[in-house]
C-alpha atoms as a PDB file:
ATOM      1  CA  GLN A   1       0.000   0.000   0.000  1.00  0.00           C
ATOM      2  CA  VAL A   2       1.407   3.352  -1.054  1.00  0.00           C
ATOM      3  CA  GLN A   3       1.350   6.152   1.495  1.00  0.00           C
ATOM      4  CA  LEU A   4       2.556   9.724   1.310  1.00  0.00           C
ATOM      5  CA  VAL A   5       2.527  11.585   4.615  1.00  0.00           C
ATOM      6  CA  GLU A   6       3.088  15.334   4.808  1.00  0.00           C
ATOM      7  CA  SER A   7       4.339  17.108   7.915  1.00  0.00           C
ATOM      8  CA  GLY A   8       5.717  20.480   8.966  1.00  0.00           C
ATOM      9  CA  GLY A   9       2.750  22.724   8.312  1.00  0.00           C
ATOM     10  CA  GLY A  10       1.174  25.166  10.712  1.00  0.00           C
ATOM     11  CA  LEU A  11       0.690  28.839  11.466  1.00  0.00           C
ATOM     12  CA  VAL A  12       3.484  31.295  10.701  1.00  0.00           C
ATOM     13  CA  GLN A  13       3.724  35.067  10.565  1.00  0.00           C
ATOM     14  CA  PRO A  14       4.313  36.887   7.277  1.00  0.00           C
ATOM     15  CA  GLY A  15       8.007  36.840   6.433  1.00  0.00           C
ATOM     16  CA  GLY A  16       8.534  33.593   8.316  1.00  0.00           C
ATOM     17  CA  SER A  17       9.664  30.173   7.151  1.00  0.00           C
ATOM     18  CA  LEU A  18       8.420  26.608   7.205  1.00  0.00           C
ATOM     19  CA  ARG A  19       9.797  23.353   5.853  1.00  0.00           C
ATOM     20  CA  LEU A  20       7.300  20.787   4.660  1.00  0.00           C
ATOM     21  CA  SER A  21       8.248  17.127   4.465  1.00  0.00           C
ATOM     22  CA  CYS A  22       6.566  14.301   2.592  1.00  0.00           C
ATOM     23  CA  THR A  23       7.651  10.773   3.435  1.00  0.00           C
ATOM     24  CA  ALA A  24       6.667   7.938   1.133  1.00  0.00           C
ATOM     25  CA  SER A  25       6.252   4.239   1.730  1.00  0.00           C
ATOM     26  CA  GLY A  26       5.156   1.312  -0.399  1.00  0.00           C
ATOM     27  CA  LEU A  27       6.814   2.478  -3.617  1.00  0.00           C
ATOM     28  CA  ALA A  28      10.251   2.656  -5.211  1.00  0.00           C
ATOM     29  CA  PHE A  29      10.691   6.286  -4.220  1.00  0.00           C
ATOM     30  CA  GLY A  30      13.843   6.880  -6.240  1.00  0.00           C
ATOM     31  CA  ARG A  31      11.994   6.147  -9.488  1.00  0.00           C
ATOM     32  CA  TYR A  32       9.275   8.743  -8.970  1.00  0.00           C
ATOM     33  CA  ALA A  33       9.314  12.424  -9.716  1.00  0.00           C
ATOM     34  CA  MET A  34       7.738  14.443  -6.920  1.00  0.00           C
ATOM     35  CA  SER A  35       5.643  17.580  -6.846  1.00  0.00           C
ATOM     36  CA  TRP A  36       4.124  19.910  -4.299  1.00  0.00           C
ATOM     37  CA  TYR A  37       0.694  21.396  -4.983  1.00  0.00           C
ATOM     38  CA  ARG A  38      -1.432  23.771  -2.989  1.00  0.00           C
ATOM     39  CA  HIS A  39      -5.114  24.504  -2.828  1.00  0.00           C
ATOM     40  CA  ALA A  40      -6.409  27.715  -1.326  1.00  0.00           C
ATOM     41  CA  PRO A  41     -10.104  28.352  -0.595  1.00  0.00           C
ATOM     42  CA  GLY A  42     -11.879  29.686  -3.642  1.00  0.00           C
ATOM     43  CA  LYS A  43      -8.933  29.033  -5.941  1.00  0.00           C
ATOM     44  CA  GLU A  44      -7.854  26.310  -8.323  1.00  0.00           C
ATOM     45  CA  ARG A  45      -5.316  23.763  -7.170  1.00  0.00           C
ATOM     46  CA  GLU A  46      -1.866  25.045  -8.120  1.00  0.00           C
ATOM     47  CA  LEU A  47       1.353  23.243  -8.941  1.00  0.00           C
ATOM     48  CA  VAL A  48       4.044  24.768  -6.725  1.00  0.00           C
ATOM     49  CA  ALA A  49       7.249  22.857  -7.457  1.00  0.00           C
ATOM     50  CA  THR A  50       8.526  19.662  -9.060  1.00  0.00           C
ATOM     51  CA  ILE A  51      11.733  17.656  -8.693  1.00  0.00           C
ATOM     52  CA  SER A  52      13.002  14.845 -10.898  1.00  0.00           C
ATOM     53  CA  SER A  53      13.503  11.348  -9.578  1.00  0.00           C
ATOM     54  CA  ASP A  54      17.255  11.852  -9.221  1.00  0.00           C
ATOM     55  CA  GLY A  55      16.900  15.323  -7.748  1.00  0.00           C
ATOM     56  CA  TYR A  56      18.973  17.057 -10.414  1.00  0.00           C
ATOM     57  CA  SER A  57      16.108  18.924 -12.073  1.00  0.00           C
ATOM     58  CA  THR A  58      13.641  21.227 -10.346  1.00  0.00           C
ATOM     59  CA  SER A  59      11.036  23.764 -11.352  1.00  0.00           C
ATOM     60  CA  ASN A  60       8.864  26.235  -9.469  1.00  0.00           C
ATOM     61  CA  THR A  61       5.810  28.247 -10.243  1.00  0.00           C
ATOM     62  CA  GLU A  62       6.697  31.896 -10.778  1.00  0.00           C
ATOM     63  CA  SER A  63       4.957  33.166  -7.651  1.00  0.00           C
ATOM     64  CA  VAL A  64       7.343  31.231  -5.385  1.00  0.00           C
ATOM     65  CA  ASN A  65      10.587  31.741  -7.300  1.00  0.00           C
ATOM     66  CA  GLY A  66      13.349  32.834  -4.978  1.00  0.00           C
ATOM     67  CA  ARG A  67      11.302  31.928  -1.885  1.00  0.00           C
ATOM     68  CA  PHE A  68      10.524  28.184  -2.074  1.00  0.00           C
ATOM     69  CA  THR A  69      12.974  25.351  -2.710  1.00  0.00           C
ATOM     70  CA  ILE A  70      12.103  21.737  -3.410  1.00  0.00           C
ATOM     71  CA  SER A  71      14.604  19.008  -2.564  1.00  0.00           C
ATOM     72  CA  ARG A  72      14.643  15.294  -1.870  1.00  0.00           C
ATOM     73  CA  ASP A  73      16.539  12.664   0.071  1.00  0.00           C
ATOM     74  CA  ASN A  74      16.061   9.362  -1.707  1.00  0.00           C
ATOM     75  CA  PRO A  75      17.572   7.135   1.002  1.00  0.00           C
ATOM     76  CA  LYS A  76      15.014   8.645   3.393  1.00  0.00           C
ATOM     77  CA  ASN A  77      12.119   8.404   0.893  1.00  0.00           C
ATOM     78  CA  THR A  78      11.382  12.059   1.607  1.00  0.00           C
ATOM     79  CA  VAL A  79      10.794  15.211  -0.394  1.00  0.00           C
ATOM     80  CA  TYR A  80      10.952  18.668   1.164  1.00  0.00           C
ATOM     81  CA  LEU A  81       9.600  22.110   0.434  1.00  0.00           C
ATOM     82  CA  GLN A  82      11.538  24.881   2.126  1.00  0.00           C
ATOM     83  CA  MET A  83       9.337  27.953   2.215  1.00  0.00           C
ATOM     84  CA  ASN A  84      10.903  31.302   3.089  1.00  0.00           C
ATOM     85  CA  THR A  85       9.564  34.847   3.161  1.00  0.00           C
ATOM     86  CA  LEU A  86       6.038  33.520   3.442  1.00  0.00           C
ATOM     87  CA  LYS A  87       3.140  35.736   2.452  1.00  0.00           C
ATOM     88  CA  PRO A  88      -0.550  35.595   3.417  1.00  0.00           C
ATOM     89  CA  GLU A  89      -1.333  34.499  -0.143  1.00  0.00           C
ATOM     90  CA  ASP A  90       0.719  31.330   0.456  1.00  0.00           C
ATOM     91  CA  THR A  91      -2.016  30.163   2.840  1.00  0.00           C
ATOM     92  CA  ALA A  92      -3.362  26.863   1.514  1.00  0.00           C
ATOM     93  CA  VAL A  93      -3.486  23.132   2.000  1.00  0.00           C
ATOM     94  CA  TYR A  94      -0.262  21.720   0.573  1.00  0.00           C
ATOM     95  CA  TYR A  95      -0.129  18.283  -1.028  1.00  0.00           C
ATOM     96  CA  CYS A  96       2.728  16.152  -2.269  1.00  0.00           C
ATOM     97  CA  LYS A  97       2.399  13.931  -5.285  1.00  0.00           C
ATOM     98  CA  ALA A  98       4.540  11.073  -6.565  1.00  0.00           C
ATOM     99  CA  PHE A  99       4.297  10.295 -10.259  1.00  0.00           C
ATOM    100  CA  LEU A 100       5.833   7.895 -12.754  1.00  0.00           C
ATOM    101  CA  GLN A 101       4.388   7.640 -16.265  1.00  0.00           C
ATOM    102  CA  PHE A 102       0.702   6.806 -15.699  1.00  0.00           C
ATOM    103  CA  LEU A 103       1.004   6.243 -11.953  1.00  0.00           C
ATOM    104  CA  GLN A 104       0.370   8.972  -9.410  1.00  0.00           C
ATOM    105  CA  TYR A 105      -0.112   9.006  -5.673  1.00  0.00           C
ATOM    106  CA  TRP A 106      -1.168  11.867  -3.406  1.00  0.00           C
ATOM    107  CA  GLY A 107      -0.665  12.710   0.218  1.00  0.00           C
ATOM    108  CA  GLN A 108      -3.540  13.737   2.444  1.00  0.00           C
ATOM    109  CA  GLY A 109      -2.503  17.385   2.576  1.00  0.00           C
ATOM    110  CA  ILE A 110      -1.325  19.696   5.314  1.00  0.00           C
ATOM    111  CA  GLN A 111      -2.481  23.182   6.232  1.00  0.00           C
ATOM    112  CA  VAL A 112      -0.151  26.161   5.987  1.00  0.00           C
ATOM    113  CA  THR A 113      -1.520  29.442   7.329  1.00  0.00           C
ATOM    114  CA  VAL A 114       0.390  32.701   7.008  1.00  0.00           C
ATOM    115  CA  SER A 115      -1.113  35.337   9.239  1.00  0.00           C
ATOM    116  CA  SER A 116      -0.187  37.894  11.845  1.00  0.00           C
END
């Protein structure tokens, strides 16, 4: 059974930082590319960042460039999203996704709230 479990969310003040983690089990983690998505109330789900299976290639959506960094540790079956200089508009439920060709698996999501 494949499981993706996010952690590290919570409430942070504007300008603060959080690091999200997503730990996978039940799959060959090192073969899967990984992405972080977010879904804010009243908005479409948004792709935030993606990292290749070997970790050498990454991409971000423009709104988080220079603030968010995706990384992975394959021996630990974990992908991270380092979020710096957080803004209120970053408030959302954040999800990780593992994908390989036609296969995709999602985590349950974790709340990030940026507010003073």
